PDB file of N, CA and C in Angstrom:
ATOM      1  N   MET A   1      22.378   6.684 -20.881  1.00  0.00           N
ATOM      2  CA  MET A   1      21.379   5.897 -20.011  1.00  0.00           C
ATOM      3  C   MET A   1      20.284   6.771 -19.729  1.00  0.00           C
ATOM      4  N   SER A   2      19.178   6.317 -19.700  1.00  0.00           N
ATOM      5  CA  SER A   2      17.830   6.998 -19.358  1.00  0.00           C
ATOM      6  C   SER A   2      17.615   7.166 -17.900  1.00  0.00           C
ATOM      7  N   GLU A   3      16.840   8.278 -17.730  1.00  0.00           N
ATOM      8  CA  GLU A   3      16.782   8.646 -16.380  1.00  0.00           C
ATOM      9  C   GLU A   3      15.586   7.808 -15.709  1.00  0.00           C
ATOM     10  N   THR A   4      15.842   7.487 -14.430  1.00  0.00           N
ATOM     11  CA  THR A   4      14.837   6.605 -13.756  1.00  0.00           C
ATOM     12  C   THR A   4      13.870   7.460 -13.108  1.00  0.00           C
ATOM     13  N   PHE A   5      12.781   6.893 -12.640  1.00  0.00           N
ATOM     14  CA  PHE A   5      11.813   7.557 -11.890  1.00  0.00           C
ATOM     15  C   PHE A   5      12.508   8.195 -10.720  1.00  0.00           C
ATOM     16  N   ALA A   6      13.311   7.513 -10.033  1.00  0.00           N
ATOM     17  CA  ALA A   6      13.957   8.113  -8.649  1.00  0.00           C
ATOM     18  C   ALA A   6      14.913   9.427  -9.171  1.00  0.00           C
ATOM     19  N   ASP A   7      15.616   9.154 -10.305  1.00  0.00           N
ATOM     20  CA  ASP A   7      16.301  10.394 -10.700  1.00  0.00           C
ATOM     21  C   ASP A   7      15.545  11.460 -11.067  1.00  0.00           C
ATOM     22  N   ARG A   8      14.303  11.168 -11.789  1.00  0.00           N
ATOM     23  CA  ARG A   8      13.554  12.319 -12.286  1.00  0.00           C
ATOM     24  C   ARG A   8      12.898  12.915 -11.001  1.00  0.00           C
ATOM     25  N   LEU A   9      12.394  12.149 -10.047  1.00  0.00           N
ATOM     26  CA  LEU A   9      11.850  12.841  -8.834  1.00  0.00           C
ATOM     27  C   LEU A   9      12.861  13.635  -8.099  1.00  0.00           C
ATOM     28  N   ARG A  10      14.069  13.207  -7.881  1.00  0.00           N
ATOM     29  CA  ARG A  10      14.974  13.932  -7.134  1.00  0.00           C
ATOM     30  C   ARG A  10      15.270  15.140  -7.880  1.00  0.00           C
ATOM     31  N   ARG A  11      15.503  15.139  -9.340  1.00  0.00           N
ATOM     32  CA  ARG A  11      15.986  16.268 -10.030  1.00  0.00           C
ATOM     33  C   ARG A  11      14.743  17.271 -10.052  1.00  0.00           C
ATOM     34  N   LEU A  12      13.502  16.953 -10.226  1.00  0.00           N
ATOM     35  CA  LEU A  12      12.390  17.924 -10.271  1.00  0.00           C
ATOM     36  C   LEU A  12      12.336  18.419  -8.806  1.00  0.00           C
ATOM     37  N   ARG A  13      12.247  17.746  -7.762  1.00  0.00           N
ATOM     38  CA  ARG A  13      12.368  18.269  -6.369  1.00  0.00           C
ATOM     39  C   ARG A  13      13.371  19.403  -6.198  1.00  0.00           C
ATOM     40  N   GLU A  14      14.639  19.013  -6.677  1.00  0.00           N
ATOM     41  CA  GLU A  14      15.619  20.002  -6.481  1.00  0.00           C
ATOM     42  C   GLU A  14      15.556  21.142  -7.243  1.00  0.00           C
ATOM     43  N   GLU A  15      15.082  21.135  -8.487  1.00  0.00           N
ATOM     44  CA  GLU A  15      14.764  22.157  -9.310  1.00  0.00           C
ATOM     45  C   GLU A  15      13.718  23.122  -8.734  1.00  0.00           C
ATOM     46  N   LYS A  16      12.825  22.665  -8.188  1.00  0.00           N
ATOM     47  CA  LYS A  16      11.657  23.526  -7.383  1.00  0.00           C
ATOM     48  C   LYS A  16      12.273  24.049  -6.032  1.00  0.00           C
ATOM     49  N   GLY A  17      13.496  23.514  -5.718  1.00  0.00           N
ATOM     50  CA  GLY A  17      14.187  23.994  -4.329  1.00  0.00           C
ATOM     51  C   GLY A  17      13.466  23.471  -3.085  1.00  0.00           C
ATOM     52  N   LEU A  18      12.903  22.351  -3.313  1.00  0.00           N
ATOM     53  CA  LEU A  18      12.124  21.692  -2.191  1.00  0.00           C
ATOM     54  C   LEU A  18      13.112  20.782  -1.508  1.00  0.00           C
ATOM     55  N   THR A  19      12.915  20.634  -0.099  1.00  0.00           N
ATOM     56  CA  THR A  19      13.542  19.597   0.472  1.00  0.00           C
ATOM     57  C   THR A  19      12.658  18.487   0.402  1.00  0.00           C
ATOM     58  N   ALA A  20      13.170  17.229   0.912  1.00  0.00           N
ATOM     59  CA  ALA A  20      12.423  16.023   0.793  1.00  0.00           C
ATOM     60  C   ALA A  20      11.321  16.061   1.733  1.00  0.00           C
ATOM     61  N   SER A  21      11.704  16.742   2.943  1.00  0.00           N
ATOM     62  CA  SER A  21      10.705  16.913   3.968  1.00  0.00           C
ATOM     63  C   SER A  21       9.539  17.845   3.612  1.00  0.00           C
ATOM     64  N   ALA A  22       9.897  18.932   2.866  1.00  0.00           N
ATOM     65  CA  ALA A  22       8.749  19.932   2.224  1.00  0.00           C
ATOM     66  C   ALA A  22       7.868  19.247   1.338  1.00  0.00           C
ATOM     67  N   LEU A  23       8.371  18.459   0.278  1.00  0.00           N
ATOM     68  CA  LEU A  23       7.669  17.774  -0.459  1.00  0.00           C
ATOM     69  C   LEU A  23       6.822  16.625  -0.020  1.00  0.00           C
ATOM     70  N   ALA A  24       7.307  15.926   1.001  1.00  0.00           N
ATOM     71  CA  ALA A  24       6.561  14.922   1.696  1.00  0.00           C
ATOM     72  C   ALA A  24       5.377  15.503   2.216  1.00  0.00           C
ATOM     73  N   ALA A  25       5.606  16.544   3.085  1.00  0.00           N
ATOM     74  CA  ALA A  25       4.415  17.262   3.772  1.00  0.00           C
ATOM     75  C   ALA A  25       3.466  17.762   2.750  1.00  0.00           C
ATOM     76  N   SER A  26       3.924  18.240   1.682  1.00  0.00           N
ATOM     77  CA  SER A  26       2.765  18.692   0.590  1.00  0.00           C
ATOM     78  C   SER A  26       2.127  17.708   0.025  1.00  0.00           C
ATOM     79  N   VAL A  27       2.575  16.482   0.008  1.00  0.00           N
ATOM     80  CA  VAL A  27       1.711  15.504  -0.613  1.00  0.00           C
ATOM     81  C   VAL A  27       1.156  14.454   0.283  1.00  0.00           C
ATOM     82  N   GLY A  28       1.558  14.590   1.606  1.00  0.00           N
ATOM     83  CA  GLY A  28       0.837  13.811   2.584  1.00  0.00           C
ATOM     84  C   GLY A  28       1.524  12.337   2.826  1.00  0.00           C
ATOM     85  N   VAL A  29       2.921  12.332   2.741  1.00  0.00           N
ATOM     86  CA  VAL A  29       3.595  11.090   3.044  1.00  0.00           C
ATOM     87  C   VAL A  29       4.877  11.558   3.899  1.00  0.00           C
ATOM     88  N   SER A  30       5.522  10.467   4.294  1.00  0.00           N
ATOM     89  CA  SER A  30       6.611  10.801   5.302  1.00  0.00           C
ATOM     90  C   SER A  30       7.913  11.039   4.436  1.00  0.00           C
ATOM     91  N   GLU A  31       8.844  11.852   5.032  1.00  0.00           N
ATOM     92  CA  GLU A  31      10.002  12.145   4.436  1.00  0.00           C
ATOM     93  C   GLU A  31      10.858  10.874   4.030  1.00  0.00           C
ATOM     94  N   GLY A  32      10.644   9.884   4.794  1.00  0.00           N
ATOM     95  CA  GLY A  32      11.282   8.586   4.532  1.00  0.00           C
ATOM     96  C   GLY A  32      10.686   7.965   3.199  1.00  0.00           C
ATOM     97  N   THR A  33       9.274   8.111   2.850  1.00  0.00           N
ATOM     98  CA  THR A  33       8.792   7.670   1.766  1.00  0.00           C
ATOM     99  C   THR A  33       9.397   8.228   0.473  1.00  0.00           C
ATOM    100  N   ILE A  34       9.756   9.544   0.658  1.00  0.00           N
ATOM    101  CA  ILE A  34      10.255  10.463  -0.544  1.00  0.00           C
ATOM    102  C   ILE A  34      11.687   9.969  -0.602  1.00  0.00           C
ATOM    103  N   ARG A  35      12.260   9.721   0.496  1.00  0.00           N
ATOM    104  CA  ARG A  35      13.741   9.112   0.437  1.00  0.00           C
ATOM    105  C   ARG A  35      13.813   7.847  -0.334  1.00  0.00           C
ATOM    106  N   GLN A  36      12.981   6.907   0.112  1.00  0.00           N
ATOM    107  CA  GLN A  36      12.887   5.577  -0.561  1.00  0.00           C
ATOM    108  C   GLN A  36      12.564   5.760  -2.072  1.00  0.00           C
ATOM    109  N   LEU A  37      11.555   6.635  -2.511  1.00  0.00           N
ATOM    110  CA  LEU A  37      11.200   6.753  -3.891  1.00  0.00           C
ATOM    111  C   LEU A  37      12.530   7.377  -4.649  1.00  0.00           C
ATOM    112  N   GLU A  38      13.358   8.290  -4.064  1.00  0.00           N
ATOM    113  CA  GLU A  38      14.436   8.975  -4.522  1.00  0.00           C
ATOM    114  C   GLU A  38      15.508   7.868  -4.639  1.00  0.00           C
ATOM    115  N   SER A  39      15.682   6.932  -3.797  1.00  0.00           N
ATOM    116  CA  SER A  39      16.781   5.994  -3.800  1.00  0.00           C
ATOM    117  C   SER A  39      16.571   4.815  -4.646  1.00  0.00           C
ATOM    118  N   GLY A  40      15.340   4.740  -5.160  1.00  0.00           N
ATOM    119  CA  GLY A  40      14.993   3.544  -5.782  1.00  0.00           C
ATOM    120  C   GLY A  40      14.563   2.300  -5.178  1.00  0.00           C
ATOM    121  N   GLN A  41      14.620   2.428  -3.725  1.00  0.00           N
ATOM    122  CA  GLN A  41      14.266   1.285  -2.961  1.00  0.00           C
ATOM    123  C   GLN A  41      12.624   0.925  -3.131  1.00  0.00           C
ATOM    124  N   THR A  42      11.879   2.206  -3.354  1.00  0.00           N
ATOM    125  CA  THR A  42      10.474   1.820  -3.728  1.00  0.00           C
ATOM    126  C   THR A  42      10.424   2.339  -5.238  1.00  0.00           C
ATOM    127  N   LYS A  43       9.945   1.450  -6.129  1.00  0.00           N
ATOM    128  CA  LYS A  43      10.098   1.757  -7.513  1.00  0.00           C
ATOM    129  C   LYS A  43       9.201   2.802  -7.997  1.00  0.00           C
ATOM    130  N   SER A  44       7.961   2.763  -7.397  1.00  0.00           N
ATOM    131  CA  SER A  44       6.917   3.929  -7.745  1.00  0.00           C
ATOM    132  C   SER A  44       5.915   3.997  -6.687  1.00  0.00           C
ATOM    133  N   PRO A  45       5.361   5.241  -6.602  1.00  0.00           N
ATOM    134  CA  PRO A  45       4.471   5.533  -5.447  1.00  0.00           C
ATOM    135  C   PRO A  45       2.998   4.932  -6.048  1.00  0.00           C
ATOM    136  N   SER A  46       2.259   5.075  -4.999  1.00  0.00           N
ATOM    137  CA  SER A  46       0.700   4.634  -5.109  1.00  0.00           C
ATOM    138  C   SER A  46       0.183   5.718  -6.271  1.00  0.00           C
ATOM    139  N   PHE A  47      -0.838   5.368  -6.947  1.00  0.00           N
ATOM    140  CA  PHE A  47      -1.467   6.195  -7.999  1.00  0.00           C
ATOM    141  C   PHE A  47      -1.731   7.560  -7.352  1.00  0.00           C
ATOM    142  N   VAL A  48      -2.428   7.747  -6.250  1.00  0.00           N
ATOM    143  CA  VAL A  48      -2.724   9.048  -5.701  1.00  0.00           C
ATOM    144  C   VAL A  48      -1.531   9.725  -5.428  1.00  0.00           C
ATOM    145  N   VAL A  49      -0.563   9.214  -4.771  1.00  0.00           N
ATOM    146  CA  VAL A  49       0.683   9.818  -4.319  1.00  0.00           C
ATOM    147  C   VAL A  49       1.483  10.311  -5.623  1.00  0.00           C
ATOM    148  N   GLY A  50       1.445   9.466  -6.565  1.00  0.00           N
ATOM    149  CA  GLY A  50       2.090   9.885  -7.886  1.00  0.00           C
ATOM    150  C   GLY A  50       1.434  11.145  -8.492  1.00  0.00           C
ATOM    151  N   LEU A  51       0.109  11.053  -8.422  1.00  0.00           N
ATOM    152  CA  LEU A  51      -0.505  12.350  -8.963  1.00  0.00           C
ATOM    153  C   LEU A  51      -0.437  13.616  -8.182  1.00  0.00           C
ATOM    154  N   ARG A  52      -0.257  13.362  -6.844  1.00  0.00           N
ATOM    155  CA  ARG A  52       0.036  14.419  -6.030  1.00  0.00           C
ATOM    156  C   ARG A  52       1.449  14.990  -6.088  1.00  0.00           C
ATOM    157  N   LEU A  53       2.378  14.039  -6.341  1.00  0.00           N
ATOM    158  CA  LEU A  53       3.843  14.390  -6.503  1.00  0.00           C
ATOM    159  C   LEU A  53       3.866  15.235  -7.793  1.00  0.00           C
ATOM    160  N   ALA A  54       3.334  14.786  -8.952  1.00  0.00           N
ATOM    161  CA  ALA A  54       3.324  15.403 -10.312  1.00  0.00           C
ATOM    162  C   ALA A  54       2.679  16.885 -10.091  1.00  0.00           C
ATOM    163  N   ASN A  55       1.727  16.933  -9.397  1.00  0.00           N
ATOM    164  CA  ASN A  55       0.995  18.371  -9.233  1.00  0.00           C
ATOM    165  C   ASN A  55       1.734  19.251  -8.442  1.00  0.00           C
ATOM    166  N   GLN A  56       2.578  18.790  -7.428  1.00  0.00           N
ATOM    167  CA  GLN A  56       3.478  19.529  -6.551  1.00  0.00           C
ATOM    168  C   GLN A  56       4.592  20.004  -7.305  1.00  0.00           C
ATOM    169  N   LEU A  57       5.145  18.981  -8.227  1.00  0.00           N
ATOM    170  CA  LEU A  57       6.211  19.452  -9.113  1.00  0.00           C
ATOM    171  C   LEU A  57       5.925  20.113 -10.310  1.00  0.00           C
ATOM    172  N   SER A  58       4.601  20.287 -10.610  1.00  0.00           N
ATOM    173  CA  SER A  58       4.129  20.904 -11.894  1.00  0.00           C
ATOM    174  C   SER A  58       4.516  20.189 -13.133  1.00  0.00           C
ATOM    175  N   VAL A  59       4.326  18.906 -13.171  1.00  0.00           N
ATOM    176  CA  VAL A  59       4.647  18.149 -14.233  1.00  0.00           C
ATOM    177  C   VAL A  59       3.512  17.250 -14.601  1.00  0.00           C
ATOM    178  N   ASP A  60       3.476  16.647 -15.787  1.00  0.00           N
ATOM    179  CA  ASP A  60       2.530  15.762 -16.172  1.00  0.00           C
ATOM    180  C   ASP A  60       2.896  14.503 -15.479  1.00  0.00           C
ATOM    181  N   PRO A  61       1.836  13.774 -14.987  1.00  0.00           N
ATOM    182  CA  PRO A  61       1.910  12.493 -14.223  1.00  0.00           C
ATOM    183  C   PRO A  61       2.651  11.424 -14.991  1.00  0.00           C
ATOM    184  N   PHE A  62       2.311  11.376 -16.392  1.00  0.00           N
ATOM    185  CA  PHE A  62       3.060  10.497 -17.407  1.00  0.00           C
ATOM    186  C   PHE A  62       4.496  10.661 -17.291  1.00  0.00           C
ATOM    187  N   TYR A  63       4.771  11.969 -17.455  1.00  0.00           N
ATOM    188  CA  TYR A  63       6.232  12.287 -17.561  1.00  0.00           C
ATOM    189  C   TYR A  63       7.024  12.055 -16.171  1.00  0.00           C
ATOM    190  N   LEU A  64       6.451  12.223 -15.092  1.00  0.00           N
ATOM    191  CA  LEU A  64       6.919  11.737 -13.750  1.00  0.00           C
ATOM    192  C   LEU A  64       7.168  10.305 -13.736  1.00  0.00           C
ATOM    193  N   ALA A  65       6.232   9.589 -14.074  1.00  0.00           N
ATOM    194  CA  ALA A  65       6.134   8.102 -14.058  1.00  0.00           C
ATOM    195  C   ALA A  65       7.146   7.411 -15.014  1.00  0.00           C
ATOM    196  N   LEU A  66       7.081   7.908 -16.379  1.00  0.00           N
ATOM    197  CA  LEU A  66       7.674   7.207 -17.445  1.00  0.00           C
ATOM    198  C   LEU A  66       8.765   7.982 -18.196  1.00  0.00           C
ATOM    199  N   GLY A  67       8.881   9.181 -17.980  1.00  0.00           N
ATOM    200  CA  GLY A  67       9.868   9.998 -18.713  1.00  0.00           C
ATOM    201  C   GLY A  67       9.320  10.514 -20.031  1.00  0.00           C
ATOM    202  N   ALA A  68      10.126  11.368 -20.519  1.00  0.00           N
ATOM    203  CA  ALA A  68       9.726  11.981 -21.771  1.00  0.00           C
ATOM    204  C   ALA A  68       9.611  11.154 -23.028  1.00  0.00           C
ATOM    205  N   SER A  69      10.310  10.137 -22.952  1.00  0.00           N
ATOM    206  CA  SER A  69      10.387   9.241 -24.300  1.00  0.00           C
ATOM    207  C   SER A  69       9.168   8.291 -24.414  1.00  0.00           C
ATOM    208  N   ALA A  70       8.354   8.158 -23.405  1.00  0.00           N
ATOM    209  CA  ALA A  70       7.434   7.267 -23.457  1.00  0.00           C
ATOM    210  C   ALA A  70       6.245   7.776 -24.354  1.00  0.00           C
ATOM    211  N   THR A  71       5.896   6.930 -25.264  1.00  0.00           N
ATOM    212  CA  THR A  71       4.778   7.171 -26.179  1.00  0.00           C
ATOM    213  C   THR A  71       3.480   6.739 -25.519  1.00  0.00           C
ATOM    214  N   LEU A  72       2.375   7.215 -25.995  1.00  0.00           N
ATOM    215  CA  LEU A  72       0.986   6.787 -25.454  1.00  0.00           C
ATOM    216  C   LEU A  72       0.832   5.235 -25.371  1.00  0.00           C
ATOM    217  N   ASN A  73       1.353   4.587 -26.517  1.00  0.00           N
ATOM    218  CA  ASN A  73       1.255   3.061 -26.550  1.00  0.00           C
ATOM    219  C   ASN A  73       2.172   2.410 -25.417  1.00  0.00           C
ATOM    220  N   GLU A  74       3.279   2.968 -25.127  1.00  0.00           N
ATOM    221  CA  GLU A  74       4.252   2.491 -24.073  1.00  0.00           C
ATOM    222  C   GLU A  74       3.475   2.797 -22.765  1.00  0.00           C
ATOM    223  N   ARG A  75       3.023   3.992 -22.657  1.00  0.00           N
ATOM    224  CA  ARG A  75       2.291   4.301 -21.244  1.00  0.00           C
ATOM    225  C   ARG A  75       1.100   3.246 -21.014  1.00  0.00           C
ATOM    226  N   MET A  76       0.493   2.992 -22.159  1.00  0.00           N
ATOM    227  CA  MET A  76      -0.696   2.011 -21.952  1.00  0.00           C
ATOM    228  C   MET A  76      -0.347   0.595 -21.731  1.00  0.00           C
ATOM    229  N   ASP A  77       0.950   0.362 -22.301  1.00  0.00           N
ATOM    230  CA  ASP A  77       1.341  -1.201 -21.860  1.00  0.00           C
ATOM    231  C   ASP A  77       1.819  -1.124 -20.389  1.00  0.00           C
ATOM    232  N   VAL A  78       2.466  -0.126 -20.067  1.00  0.00           N
ATOM    233  CA  VAL A  78       2.820  -0.105 -18.508  1.00  0.00           C
ATOM    234  C   VAL A  78       1.439  -0.334 -17.616  1.00  0.00           C
ATOM    235  N   PHE A  79       0.618   0.544 -17.909  1.00  0.00           N
ATOM    236  CA  PHE A  79      -0.638   0.441 -17.134  1.00  0.00           C
ATOM    237  C   PHE A  79      -1.227  -0.792 -17.251  1.00  0.00           C
ATOM    238  N   ASP A  80      -1.392  -1.417 -18.492  1.00  0.00           N
ATOM    239  CA  ASP A  80      -1.964  -2.604 -18.576  1.00  0.00           C
ATOM    240  C   ASP A  80      -1.321  -3.815 -17.809  1.00  0.00           C
ATOM    241  N   ARG A  81       0.020  -3.642 -17.749  1.00  0.00           N
ATOM    242  CA  ARG A  81       0.809  -4.695 -17.019  1.00  0.00           C
ATOM    243  C   ARG A  81       0.515  -4.446 -15.440  1.00  0.00           C
ATOM    244  N   ARG A  82       0.420  -3.304 -15.041  1.00  0.00           N
ATOM    245  CA  ARG A  82       0.002  -3.039 -13.637  1.00  0.00           C
ATOM    246  C   ARG A  82      -1.277  -3.415 -13.303  1.00  0.00           C
ATOM    247  N   LEU A  83      -2.215  -3.180 -14.119  1.00  0.00           N
ATOM    248  CA  LEU A  83      -3.531  -3.541 -13.879  1.00  0.00           C
ATOM    249  C   LEU A  83      -3.630  -5.069 -13.785  1.00  0.00           C
ATOM    250  N   ALA A  84      -2.955  -5.859 -14.687  1.00  0.00           N
ATOM    251  CA  ALA A  84      -2.915  -7.298 -14.711  1.00  0.00           C
ATOM    252  C   ALA A  84      -2.474  -7.766 -13.368  1.00  0.00           C
ATOM    253  N   ARG A  85      -1.370  -7.191 -12.800  1.00  0.00           N
ATOM    254  CA  ARG A  85      -0.779  -7.563 -11.624  1.00  0.00           C
ATOM    255  C   ARG A  85      -1.773  -7.378 -10.390  1.00  0.00           C
ATOM    256  N   LEU A  86      -2.386  -6.419 -10.408  1.00  0.00           N
ATOM    257  CA  LEU A  86      -3.483  -5.978  -9.339  1.00  0.00           C
ATOM    258  C   LEU A  86      -4.495  -6.890  -9.430  1.00  0.00           C
ATOM    259  N   GLU A  87      -4.959  -7.272 -10.706  1.00  0.00           N
ATOM    260  CA  GLU A  87      -6.061  -8.182 -10.760  1.00  0.00           C
ATOM    261  C   GLU A  87      -5.807  -9.674 -10.208  1.00  0.00           C
ATOM    262  N   GLN A  88      -4.378 -10.070 -10.647  1.00  0.00           N
ATOM    263  CA  GLN A  88      -3.970 -11.280 -10.083  1.00  0.00           C
ATOM    264  C   GLN A  88      -4.055 -11.296  -8.534  1.00  0.00           C
ATOM    265  N   ARG A  89      -3.531 -10.329  -7.824  1.00  0.00           N
ATOM    266  CA  ARG A  89      -3.556  -9.904  -6.456  1.00  0.00           C
ATOM    267  C   ARG A  89      -4.844 -10.089  -5.813  1.00  0.00           C
ATOM    268  N   VAL A  90      -5.777  -9.454  -6.380  1.00  0.00           N
ATOM    269  CA  VAL A  90      -7.117  -9.532  -5.979  1.00  0.00           C
ATOM    270  C   VAL A  90      -7.728 -10.925  -6.038  1.00  0.00           C
ATOM    271  N   ASP A  91      -7.341 -11.507  -7.224  1.00  0.00           N
ATOM    272  CA  ASP A  91      -8.031 -12.962  -7.289  1.00  0.00           C
ATOM    273  C   ASP A  91      -7.427 -13.847  -6.508  1.00  0.00           C
ATOM    274  N   SER A  92      -6.099 -13.754  -6.140  1.00  0.00           N
ATOM    275  CA  SER A  92      -5.422 -14.522  -5.172  1.00  0.00           C
ATOM    276  C   SER A  92      -6.017 -14.301  -3.727  1.00  0.00           C
ATOM    277  N   LEU A  93      -6.400 -13.164  -3.312  1.00  0.00           N
ATOM    278  CA  LEU A  93      -6.834 -12.717  -2.030  1.00  0.00           C
ATOM    279  C   LEU A  93      -8.231 -13.355  -1.846  1.00  0.00           C
ATOM    280  N   SER A  94      -9.045 -13.150  -2.990  1.00  0.00           N
ATOM    281  CA  SER A  94     -10.464 -13.528  -2.789  1.00  0.00           C
ATOM    282  C   SER A  94     -10.680 -15.033  -3.157  1.00  0.00           C
ATOM    283  N   ALA A  95      -9.715 -15.825  -3.461  1.00  0.00           N
ATOM    284  CA  ALA A  95      -9.663 -17.272  -3.750  1.00  0.00           C
ATOM    285  C   ALA A  95      -9.970 -17.962  -2.601  1.00  0.00           C
ATOM    286  N   PRO A  96     -10.885 -18.956  -2.466  1.00  0.00           N
ATOM    287  CA  PRO A  96     -11.169 -19.773  -1.298  1.00  0.00           C
ATOM    288  C   PRO A  96      -9.959 -20.335  -0.817  1.00  0.00           C
ATOM    289  N   LYS A  97      -9.751 -20.460   0.445  1.00  0.00           N
ATOM    290  CA  LYS A  97      -8.521 -21.091   1.141  1.00  0.00           C
ATOM    291  C   LYS A  97      -8.789 -22.651   0.984  1.00  0.00           C
ATOM    292  N   ARG A  98      -7.747 -23.377   0.839  1.00  0.00           N
ATOM    293  CA  ARG A  98      -7.868 -24.736   0.859  1.00  0.00           C
ATOM    294  C   ARG A  98      -7.541 -25.484   2.136  1.00  0.00           C
TER     295      ARG A  98
END
């Protein structure tokens, strides 16, 4: 079974010897946010928080988000899907109300 984002985040935090509270403080989020990410309740952090987490954990942001087996094409597919979802949300918010 492949390692999930939540598993990777928890493992990397523990390998660095950081508490959830310390990691949260270093990236500017609450301890509850870190706990939700590590439990899988929240599937992925915002882009900026993801970059901050990767920086604090000294790993490539792609690795943190997608794992070691992700090729560049797989990474781009994930980002393309996320961008499409964001564009749909923006379109739905900016559409005139009936």
